[in-house]
Amino acid sequence: MRVLEVNGRPVLVEVENRGTLDVPDVRYRTRGDEPSAAITANLRRILGLDLDPAFLRFPVPIGGALRTAIVALRGMRPPRFTNLFESFLNVIPFQQLSLEAGVSIIGRLVQRFGRPVEHRGRQYHASAGARAIAAARLQQLRACGLSRGKAQTLRNLARMIEARELREEEISQMPSQQALHALMELPGIGPWSAALVLLRGLGRLDVFPPGDVGAARGLRPLLQLDPGMSIDRAVERFGDRRGYLYFYGLGANLLARELIRPAAPEHRSGSY
């Protein structure tokens, strides 16, 4: 279940797969609103439904622990954030912080600034939008756990987006390297943040966030790297699918923590 901002209103949406992993039948229903093309487009983006995993094969031979993870995560599609500002919102809090600390900050931002929807005695919140953050005081943002620098960065980006000085449509039309440079020209956005915004926000699977500690932790055992070997160099051989590798690192971590279950064995033969 997720609250989406649709035509300026928060809408609670419930999604389920009524089919199987190999033949999915993904359906959604809304609470109090009619399904619409805007909701469908949002969900297809969030869930990565326009990318067929069959066409995301890696361009190199795969074996060992990585192959085991690929089999366990069969059918995985790369998720995305709904828009450019939501991407910044979900990247900036994690700069030089642990996963747990970043998640807590985002949760407080959503609770404080996301538009709520009531359903069966429970309150659900949309993601905090650019307009709300642009109008916020720095003290309000800092109360959610952001440092002064991050609060200023997030509010400045929100104001640029609201003023149409920074537009997702323009970034989307740029080649990945050009888009990376454009994002890194923004105050408070370095190489890691720019790459993660492109990967998680714009779906650029040819981009891998450099120096990502969490990704390195998940991928080192999968790639069977020696302790001193750079993860950034190791992912280069995956070419324009290096960003997809990032999600296998995250997925393997979720599997290890038993937060998700491995896929059932495939009924037909296949190769990687």
C-alpha atoms as a PDB file:
ATOM      1  CA  MET A   1       0.000   0.000   0.000  1.00  0.00           C
ATOM      2  CA  ARG A   2       1.268   3.429  -0.893  1.00  0.00           C
ATOM      3  CA  VAL A   3      -0.038   6.996  -0.993  1.00  0.00           C
ATOM      4  CA  LEU A   4       0.604   8.682  -4.340  1.00  0.00           C
ATOM      5  CA  GLU A   5       0.178  12.338  -5.220  1.00  0.00           C
ATOM      6  CA  VAL A   6      -2.138  12.287  -8.249  1.00  0.00           C
ATOM      7  CA  ASN A   7      -3.328  15.547  -9.823  1.00  0.00           C
ATOM      8  CA  GLY A   8      -2.542  17.407  -6.629  1.00  0.00           C
ATOM      9  CA  ARG A   9      -4.346  14.972  -4.314  1.00  0.00           C
ATOM     10  CA  PRO A  10      -3.088  12.115  -2.130  1.00  0.00           C
ATOM     11  CA  VAL A  11      -4.505   8.738  -3.183  1.00  0.00           C
ATOM     12  CA  LEU A  12      -4.059   5.488  -1.251  1.00  0.00           C
ATOM     13  CA  VAL A  13      -3.271   2.643  -3.655  1.00  0.00           C
ATOM     14  CA  GLU A  14      -3.048  -1.085  -2.940  1.00  0.00           C
ATOM     15  CA  VAL A  15      -1.084  -3.305  -5.337  1.00  0.00           C
ATOM     16  CA  GLU A  16      -1.002  -7.095  -5.543  1.00  0.00           C
ATOM     17  CA  ASN A  17       0.205  -9.763  -7.935  1.00  0.00           C
ATOM     18  CA  ARG A  18      -2.625 -12.172  -8.665  1.00  0.00           C
ATOM     19  CA  GLY A  19      -0.472 -14.225 -10.990  1.00  0.00           C
ATOM     20  CA  THR A  20       2.860 -15.958 -10.531  1.00  0.00           C
ATOM     21  CA  LEU A  21       6.468 -14.882 -10.697  1.00  0.00           C
ATOM     22  CA  ASP A  22       6.835 -16.117 -14.261  1.00  0.00           C
ATOM     23  CA  VAL A  23       3.387 -15.002 -15.438  1.00  0.00           C
ATOM     24  CA  PRO A  24       2.575 -11.977 -13.284  1.00  0.00           C
ATOM     25  CA  ASP A  25      -0.848 -10.373 -13.152  1.00  0.00           C
ATOM     26  CA  VAL A  26      -0.242  -7.121 -11.263  1.00  0.00           C
ATOM     27  CA  ARG A  27      -3.447  -5.331 -10.238  1.00  0.00           C
ATOM     28  CA  TYR A  28      -4.178  -2.274  -8.143  1.00  0.00           C
ATOM     29  CA  ARG A  29      -7.152  -0.680  -6.486  1.00  0.00           C
ATOM     30  CA  THR A  30      -7.598   2.725  -4.932  1.00  0.00           C
ATOM     31  CA  ARG A  31      -9.261   3.761  -1.712  1.00  0.00           C
ATOM     32  CA  GLY A  32     -11.942   6.336  -2.468  1.00  0.00           C
ATOM     33  CA  ASP A  33     -10.727   7.210  -5.979  1.00  0.00           C
ATOM     34  CA  GLU A  34     -11.158   5.725  -9.411  1.00  0.00           C
ATOM     35  CA  PRO A  35      -8.149   4.110 -11.161  1.00  0.00           C
ATOM     36  CA  SER A  36      -6.594   6.455 -13.698  1.00  0.00           C
ATOM     37  CA  ALA A  37      -3.872   6.638 -16.326  1.00  0.00           C
ATOM     38  CA  ALA A  38      -1.799   8.830 -13.971  1.00  0.00           C
ATOM     39  CA  ILE A  39      -1.884   6.208 -11.191  1.00  0.00           C
ATOM     40  CA  THR A  40      -1.044   3.439 -13.645  1.00  0.00           C
ATOM     41  CA  ALA A  41       1.937   5.384 -15.012  1.00  0.00           C
ATOM     42  CA  ASN A  42       3.194   6.095 -11.483  1.00  0.00           C
ATOM     43  CA  LEU A  43       2.978   2.442 -10.469  1.00  0.00           C
ATOM     44  CA  ARG A  44       4.663   1.195 -13.628  1.00  0.00           C
ATOM     45  CA  ARG A  45       7.566   3.539 -12.869  1.00  0.00           C
ATOM     46  CA  ILE A  46       7.804   2.702  -9.150  1.00  0.00           C
ATOM     47  CA  LEU A  47       7.695  -1.059  -9.732  1.00  0.00           C
ATOM     48  CA  GLY A  48       9.889  -1.086 -12.835  1.00  0.00           C
ATOM     49  CA  LEU A  49       7.169  -2.853 -14.810  1.00  0.00           C
ATOM     50  CA  ASP A  50       8.279  -1.547 -18.194  1.00  0.00           C
ATOM     51  CA  LEU A  51      11.566  -3.449 -17.931  1.00  0.00           C
ATOM     52  CA  ASP A  52      11.507  -7.168 -18.686  1.00  0.00           C
ATOM     53  CA  PRO A  53      14.112  -8.984 -16.544  1.00  0.00           C
ATOM     54  CA  ALA A  54      14.746 -11.310 -19.483  1.00  0.00           C
ATOM     55  CA  PHE A  55      16.392  -8.395 -21.285  1.00  0.00           C
ATOM     56  CA  LEU A  56      18.554  -7.392 -18.311  1.00  0.00           C
ATOM     57  CA  ARG A  57      21.059 -10.213 -18.619  1.00  0.00           C
ATOM     58  CA  PHE A  58      24.608  -9.300 -17.738  1.00  0.00           C
ATOM     59  CA  PRO A  59      27.107  -9.085 -20.621  1.00  0.00           C
ATOM     60  CA  VAL A  60      29.661 -11.346 -18.861  1.00  0.00           C
ATOM     61  CA  PRO A  61      29.674 -14.996 -17.699  1.00  0.00           C
ATOM     62  CA  ILE A  62      28.071 -15.369 -14.268  1.00  0.00           C
ATOM     63  CA  GLY A  63      28.818 -18.047 -11.698  1.00  0.00           C
ATOM     64  CA  GLY A  64      29.288 -18.713  -8.015  1.00  0.00           C
ATOM     65  CA  ALA A  65      27.524 -16.643  -5.378  1.00  0.00           C
ATOM     66  CA  LEU A  66      26.249 -14.053  -7.855  1.00  0.00           C
ATOM     67  CA  ARG A  67      24.505 -16.709  -9.928  1.00  0.00           C
ATOM     68  CA  THR A  68      22.924 -18.091  -6.752  1.00  0.00           C
ATOM     69  CA  ALA A  69      21.618 -14.588  -5.915  1.00  0.00           C
ATOM     70  CA  ILE A  70      20.327 -14.082  -9.462  1.00  0.00           C
ATOM     71  CA  VAL A  71      18.374 -17.341  -9.248  1.00  0.00           C
ATOM     72  CA  ALA A  72      17.002 -16.428  -5.808  1.00  0.00           C
ATOM     73  CA  LEU A  73      15.987 -12.961  -7.057  1.00  0.00           C
ATOM     74  CA  ARG A  74      14.579 -14.188 -10.363  1.00  0.00           C
ATOM     75  CA  GLY A  75      12.113 -11.721 -11.860  1.00  0.00           C
ATOM     76  CA  MET A  76      13.542  -8.715 -10.021  1.00  0.00           C
ATOM     77  CA  ARG A  77      12.789  -5.388 -11.637  1.00  0.00           C
ATOM     78  CA  PRO A  78      14.669  -2.214 -10.686  1.00  0.00           C
ATOM     79  CA  PRO A  79      12.355   0.051  -8.641  1.00  0.00           C
ATOM     80  CA  ARG A  80      12.308   3.808  -9.079  1.00  0.00           C
ATOM     81  CA  PHE A  81      11.167   6.872  -7.179  1.00  0.00           C
ATOM     82  CA  THR A  82       8.161   8.722  -8.553  1.00  0.00           C
ATOM     83  CA  ASN A  83       9.945  11.930  -9.543  1.00  0.00           C
ATOM     84  CA  LEU A  84      13.179  13.893  -9.348  1.00  0.00           C
ATOM     85  CA  PHE A  85      12.469  15.537  -6.007  1.00  0.00           C
ATOM     86  CA  GLU A  86      11.503  12.259  -4.338  1.00  0.00           C
ATOM     87  CA  SER A  87      14.864  10.956  -5.544  1.00  0.00           C
ATOM     88  CA  PHE A  88      16.704  13.810  -3.811  1.00  0.00           C
ATOM     89  CA  LEU A  89      14.572  13.284  -0.706  1.00  0.00           C
ATOM     90  CA  ASN A  90      15.625   9.631  -0.556  1.00  0.00           C
ATOM     91  CA  VAL A  91      19.311  10.247  -1.286  1.00  0.00           C
ATOM     92  CA  ILE A  92      20.408  13.359   0.617  1.00  0.00           C
ATOM     93  CA  PRO A  93      19.566  12.047   4.129  1.00  0.00           C
ATOM     94  CA  PHE A  94      21.814   9.022   3.506  1.00  0.00           C
ATOM     95  CA  GLN A  95      24.929  11.057   2.708  1.00  0.00           C
ATOM     96  CA  GLN A  96      27.646   9.806   5.083  1.00  0.00           C
ATOM     97  CA  LEU A  97      25.065   8.102   7.309  1.00  0.00           C
ATOM     98  CA  SER A  98      24.094   4.503   8.002  1.00  0.00           C
ATOM     99  CA  LEU A  99      21.104   2.925   6.299  1.00  0.00           C
ATOM    100  CA  GLU A 100      19.170   2.830   9.578  1.00  0.00           C
ATOM    101  CA  ALA A 101      19.803   6.512  10.362  1.00  0.00           C
ATOM    102  CA  GLY A 102      18.823   7.612   6.854  1.00  0.00           C
ATOM    103  CA  VAL A 103      15.604   5.582   6.920  1.00  0.00           C
ATOM    104  CA  SER A 104      14.631   7.150  10.259  1.00  0.00           C
ATOM    105  CA  ILE A 105      15.155  10.672   8.910  1.00  0.00           C
ATOM    106  CA  ILE A 106      13.079   9.999   5.800  1.00  0.00           C
ATOM    107  CA  GLY A 107      10.336   8.525   7.950  1.00  0.00           C
ATOM    108  CA  ARG A 108      10.190  11.710  10.021  1.00  0.00           C
ATOM    109  CA  LEU A 109      10.187  13.908   6.904  1.00  0.00           C
ATOM    110  CA  VAL A 110       7.293  11.924   5.445  1.00  0.00           C
ATOM    111  CA  GLN A 111       5.345  12.066   8.713  1.00  0.00           C
ATOM    112  CA  ARG A 112       5.910  15.822   9.046  1.00  0.00           C
ATOM    113  CA  PHE A 113       5.535  16.978   5.433  1.00  0.00           C
ATOM    114  CA  GLY A 114       3.747  14.193   3.513  1.00  0.00           C
ATOM    115  CA  ARG A 115       0.029  14.619   2.898  1.00  0.00           C
ATOM    116  CA  PRO A 116      -1.984  12.092   4.943  1.00  0.00           C
ATOM    117  CA  VAL A 117      -4.813   9.729   4.042  1.00  0.00           C
ATOM    118  CA  GLU A 118      -6.986   8.033   6.689  1.00  0.00           C
ATOM    119  CA  HIS A 119      -8.036   4.415   6.134  1.00  0.00           C
ATOM    120  CA  ARG A 120      -9.620   2.117   8.712  1.00  0.00           C
ATOM    121  CA  GLY A 121      -8.298   4.083  11.635  1.00  0.00           C
ATOM    122  CA  ARG A 122      -4.758   4.253  10.293  1.00  0.00           C
ATOM    123  CA  GLN A 123      -2.978   7.213   8.745  1.00  0.00           C
ATOM    124  CA  TYR A 124      -0.875   6.805   5.602  1.00  0.00           C
ATOM    125  CA  HIS A 125       1.365   9.534   4.196  1.00  0.00           C
ATOM    126  CA  ALA A 126       2.475  10.463   0.705  1.00  0.00           C
ATOM    127  CA  SER A 127       6.128  11.245   0.177  1.00  0.00           C
ATOM    128  CA  ALA A 128       7.063  14.787   1.185  1.00  0.00           C
ATOM    129  CA  GLY A 129       6.660  16.927  -1.937  1.00  0.00           C
ATOM    130  CA  ALA A 130       8.849  19.698  -3.279  1.00  0.00           C
ATOM    131  CA  ARG A 131       6.262  22.370  -2.490  1.00  0.00           C
ATOM    132  CA  ALA A 132       6.067  21.434   1.193  1.00  0.00           C
ATOM    133  CA  ILE A 133       9.834  21.256   1.619  1.00  0.00           C
ATOM    134  CA  ALA A 134      10.364  24.504  -0.303  1.00  0.00           C
ATOM    135  CA  ALA A 135       8.095  26.296   2.180  1.00  0.00           C
ATOM    136  CA  ALA A 136       9.578  24.672   5.284  1.00  0.00           C
ATOM    137  CA  ARG A 137      11.781  26.443   7.796  1.00  0.00           C
ATOM    138  CA  LEU A 138      15.270  25.083   8.283  1.00  0.00           C
ATOM    139  CA  GLN A 139      14.488  24.402  11.950  1.00  0.00           C
ATOM    140  CA  GLN A 140      11.596  22.149  10.896  1.00  0.00           C
ATOM    141  CA  LEU A 141      13.833  20.154   8.564  1.00  0.00           C
ATOM    142  CA  ARG A 142      16.585  19.891  11.149  1.00  0.00           C
ATOM    143  CA  ALA A 143      14.049  18.630  13.701  1.00  0.00           C
ATOM    144  CA  CYS A 144      13.590  15.629  11.408  1.00  0.00           C
ATOM    145  CA  GLY A 145      17.284  14.775  11.837  1.00  0.00           C
ATOM    146  CA  LEU A 146      18.905  16.574   8.907  1.00  0.00           C
ATOM    147  CA  SER A 147      22.114  18.497   9.433  1.00  0.00           C
ATOM    148  CA  ARG A 148      22.024  22.205   8.604  1.00  0.00           C
ATOM    149  CA  GLY A 149      23.878  21.580   5.335  1.00  0.00           C
ATOM    150  CA  LYS A 150      21.542  18.792   4.231  1.00  0.00           C
ATOM    151  CA  ALA A 151      18.470  20.801   5.226  1.00  0.00           C
ATOM    152  CA  GLN A 152      19.677  23.743   3.136  1.00  0.00           C
ATOM    153  CA  THR A 153      20.511  21.469   0.192  1.00  0.00           C
ATOM    154  CA  LEU A 154      17.130  19.742   0.241  1.00  0.00           C
ATOM    155  CA  ARG A 155      15.182  23.005   0.559  1.00  0.00           C
ATOM    156  CA  ASN A 156      17.231  24.697  -2.180  1.00  0.00           C
ATOM    157  CA  LEU A 157      16.578  21.794  -4.553  1.00  0.00           C
ATOM    158  CA  ALA A 158      12.872  21.863  -3.715  1.00  0.00           C
ATOM    159  CA  ARG A 159      12.736  25.578  -4.495  1.00  0.00           C
ATOM    160  CA  MET A 160      14.628  25.103  -7.769  1.00  0.00           C
ATOM    161  CA  ILE A 161      12.192  22.381  -8.824  1.00  0.00           C
ATOM    162  CA  GLU A 162       9.175  24.453  -7.830  1.00  0.00           C
ATOM    163  CA  ALA A 163      10.556  27.418  -9.800  1.00  0.00           C
ATOM    164  CA  ARG A 164      11.204  25.146 -12.816  1.00  0.00           C
ATOM    165  CA  GLU A 165      14.888  26.030 -12.682  1.00  0.00           C
ATOM    166  CA  LEU A 166      15.619  22.306 -12.327  1.00  0.00           C
ATOM    167  CA  ARG A 167      13.484  20.028 -14.481  1.00  0.00           C
ATOM    168  CA  GLU A 168      13.411  16.263 -14.660  1.00  0.00           C
ATOM    169  CA  GLU A 169      12.499  16.416 -18.344  1.00  0.00           C
ATOM    170  CA  GLU A 170      15.784  18.144 -19.156  1.00  0.00           C
ATOM    171  CA  ILE A 171      17.924  15.773 -17.085  1.00  0.00           C
ATOM    172  CA  SER A 172      16.111  12.778 -18.613  1.00  0.00           C
ATOM    173  CA  GLN A 173      17.084  13.843 -22.134  1.00  0.00           C
ATOM    174  CA  MET A 174      20.804  13.982 -21.335  1.00  0.00           C
ATOM    175  CA  PRO A 175      23.215  11.068 -21.802  1.00  0.00           C
ATOM    176  CA  SER A 176      24.187   9.602 -18.436  1.00  0.00           C
ATOM    177  CA  GLN A 177      27.623  11.235 -18.226  1.00  0.00           C
ATOM    178  CA  GLN A 178      26.216  14.646 -19.089  1.00  0.00           C
ATOM    179  CA  ALA A 179      23.395  14.174 -16.582  1.00  0.00           C
ATOM    180  CA  LEU A 180      25.907  13.227 -13.890  1.00  0.00           C
ATOM    181  CA  HIS A 181      27.882  16.417 -14.489  1.00  0.00           C
ATOM    182  CA  ALA A 182      24.705  18.518 -14.487  1.00  0.00           C
ATOM    183  CA  LEU A 183      23.604  17.080 -11.147  1.00  0.00           C
ATOM    184  CA  MET A 184      27.072  17.483  -9.603  1.00  0.00           C
ATOM    185  CA  GLU A 185      26.940  21.188 -10.374  1.00  0.00           C
ATOM    186  CA  LEU A 186      24.100  21.483  -7.849  1.00  0.00           C
ATOM    187  CA  PRO A 187      25.177  22.554  -4.335  1.00  0.00           C
ATOM    188  CA  GLY A 188      25.404  19.598  -1.968  1.00  0.00           C
ATOM    189  CA  ILE A 189      25.356  16.950  -4.721  1.00  0.00           C
ATOM    190  CA  GLY A 190      28.532  14.924  -5.229  1.00  0.00           C
ATOM    191  CA  PRO A 191      29.327  11.924  -7.455  1.00  0.00           C
ATOM    192  CA  TRP A 192      27.633   9.366  -5.180  1.00  0.00           C
ATOM    193  CA  SER A 193      24.419  11.366  -4.804  1.00  0.00           C
ATOM    194  CA  ALA A 194      24.263  12.235  -8.515  1.00  0.00           C
ATOM    195  CA  ALA A 195      24.708   8.607  -9.564  1.00  0.00           C
ATOM    196  CA  LEU A 196      22.108   7.359  -7.092  1.00  0.00           C
ATOM    197  CA  VAL A 197      19.572   9.959  -8.259  1.00  0.00           C
ATOM    198  CA  LEU A 198      20.095   8.810 -11.842  1.00  0.00           C
ATOM    199  CA  LEU A 199      19.887   5.130 -10.940  1.00  0.00           C
ATOM    200  CA  ARG A 200      16.961   5.207  -8.501  1.00  0.00           C
ATOM    201  CA  GLY A 201      15.133   8.210  -9.912  1.00  0.00           C
ATOM    202  CA  LEU A 202      15.663   8.103 -13.664  1.00  0.00           C
ATOM    203  CA  GLY A 203      16.282   4.383 -14.086  1.00  0.00           C
ATOM    204  CA  ARG A 204      19.778   4.703 -15.573  1.00  0.00           C
ATOM    205  CA  LEU A 205      21.081   1.149 -15.218  1.00  0.00           C
ATOM    206  CA  ASP A 206      24.429   2.116 -16.761  1.00  0.00           C
ATOM    207  CA  VAL A 207      25.278   4.120 -13.611  1.00  0.00           C
ATOM    208  CA  PHE A 208      26.710   2.731 -10.373  1.00  0.00           C
ATOM    209  CA  PRO A 209      27.090   4.994  -7.287  1.00  0.00           C
ATOM    210  CA  PRO A 210      30.843   5.227  -6.583  1.00  0.00           C
ATOM    211  CA  GLY A 211      32.042   4.512  -3.065  1.00  0.00           C
ATOM    212  CA  ASP A 212      28.677   3.134  -1.923  1.00  0.00           C
ATOM    213  CA  VAL A 213      29.498   1.344   1.331  1.00  0.00           C
ATOM    214  CA  GLY A 214      26.194  -0.506   1.526  1.00  0.00           C
ATOM    215  CA  ALA A 215      26.422  -1.749  -2.052  1.00  0.00           C
ATOM    216  CA  ALA A 216      30.024  -2.840  -1.497  1.00  0.00           C
ATOM    217  CA  ARG A 217      29.019  -4.770   1.615  1.00  0.00           C
ATOM    218  CA  GLY A 218      26.367  -6.668  -0.311  1.00  0.00           C
ATOM    219  CA  LEU A 219      28.327  -7.191  -3.517  1.00  0.00           C
ATOM    220  CA  ARG A 220      31.757  -8.233  -2.194  1.00  0.00           C
ATOM    221  CA  PRO A 221      30.668 -11.766  -1.300  1.00  0.00           C
ATOM    222  CA  LEU A 222      28.632 -12.059  -4.497  1.00  0.00           C
ATOM    223  CA  LEU A 223      31.596 -11.056  -6.676  1.00  0.00           C
ATOM    224  CA  GLN A 224      34.059 -12.943  -4.449  1.00  0.00           C
ATOM    225  CA  LEU A 225      36.405  -9.983  -4.291  1.00  0.00           C
ATOM    226  CA  ASP A 226      39.706  -9.935  -2.448  1.00  0.00           C
ATOM    227  CA  PRO A 227      39.667  -7.574   0.572  1.00  0.00           C
ATOM    228  CA  GLY A 228      41.792  -4.901  -1.122  1.00  0.00           C
ATOM    229  CA  MET A 229      40.022  -4.924  -4.492  1.00  0.00           C
ATOM    230  CA  SER A 230      37.925  -1.863  -5.397  1.00  0.00           C
ATOM    231  CA  ILE A 231      34.219  -2.533  -5.852  1.00  0.00           C
ATOM    232  CA  ASP A 232      33.995   0.349  -8.328  1.00  0.00           C
ATOM    233  CA  ARG A 233      36.571  -1.279 -10.580  1.00  0.00           C
ATOM    234  CA  ALA A 234      34.931  -4.692 -10.280  1.00  0.00           C
ATOM    235  CA  VAL A 235      31.543  -3.463 -11.479  1.00  0.00           C
ATOM    236  CA  GLU A 236      32.986  -1.886 -14.627  1.00  0.00           C
ATOM    237  CA  ARG A 237      32.977  -5.222 -16.440  1.00  0.00           C
ATOM    238  CA  PHE A 238      29.186  -5.303 -16.178  1.00  0.00           C
ATOM    239  CA  GLY A 239      28.997  -2.429 -18.656  1.00  0.00           C
ATOM    240  CA  ASP A 240      25.632  -0.768 -19.157  1.00  0.00           C
ATOM    241  CA  ARG A 241      24.057  -3.186 -16.636  1.00  0.00           C
ATOM    242  CA  ARG A 242      26.283  -2.150 -13.728  1.00  0.00           C
ATOM    243  CA  GLY A 243      23.403  -0.314 -12.090  1.00  0.00           C
ATOM    244  CA  TYR A 244      21.276  -3.471 -12.161  1.00  0.00           C
ATOM    245  CA  LEU A 245      24.073  -5.180 -10.235  1.00  0.00           C
ATOM    246  CA  TYR A 246      23.509  -2.604  -7.478  1.00  0.00           C
ATOM    247  CA  PHE A 247      20.016  -4.013  -6.871  1.00  0.00           C
ATOM    248  CA  TYR A 248      21.384  -7.548  -6.570  1.00  0.00           C
ATOM    249  CA  GLY A 249      23.600  -6.325  -3.742  1.00  0.00           C
ATOM    250  CA  LEU A 250      20.565  -4.883  -1.970  1.00  0.00           C
ATOM    251  CA  GLY A 251      18.450  -7.952  -2.706  1.00  0.00           C
ATOM    252  CA  ALA A 252      21.095 -10.356  -1.419  1.00  0.00           C
ATOM    253  CA  ASN A 253      21.213  -8.377   1.817  1.00  0.00           C
ATOM    254  CA  LEU A 254      17.416  -8.630   2.186  1.00  0.00           C
ATOM    255  CA  LEU A 255      17.605 -12.376   1.532  1.00  0.00           C
ATOM    256  CA  ALA A 256      20.337 -12.804   4.154  1.00  0.00           C
ATOM    257  CA  ARG A 257      18.203 -10.943   6.710  1.00  0.00           C
ATOM    258  CA  GLU A 258      15.170 -13.061   5.721  1.00  0.00           C
ATOM    259  CA  LEU A 259      13.169  -9.926   4.902  1.00  0.00           C
ATOM    260  CA  ILE A 260      12.269 -11.449   1.531  1.00  0.00           C
ATOM    261  CA  ARG A 261      12.048 -15.055   0.354  1.00  0.00           C
ATOM    262  CA  PRO A 262      13.976 -16.574  -2.549  1.00  0.00           C
ATOM    263  CA  ALA A 263      12.061 -17.263  -5.735  1.00  0.00           C
ATOM    264  CA  ALA A 264      10.804 -20.780  -6.286  1.00  0.00           C
ATOM    265  CA  PRO A 265      12.816 -22.811  -8.844  1.00  0.00           C
ATOM    266  CA  GLU A 266      12.036 -21.972 -12.445  1.00  0.00           C
ATOM    267  CA  HIS A 267      10.099 -24.632 -14.329  1.00  0.00           C
ATOM    268  CA  ARG A 268      11.959 -24.048 -17.587  1.00  0.00           C
ATOM    269  CA  SER A 269      15.683 -24.107 -18.222  1.00  0.00           C
ATOM    270  CA  GLY A 270      17.631 -20.901 -18.724  1.00  0.00           C
ATOM    271  CA  SER A 271      21.140 -19.470 -18.650  1.00  0.00           C
ATOM    272  CA  TYR A 272      22.765 -16.312 -17.368  1.00  0.00           C
END
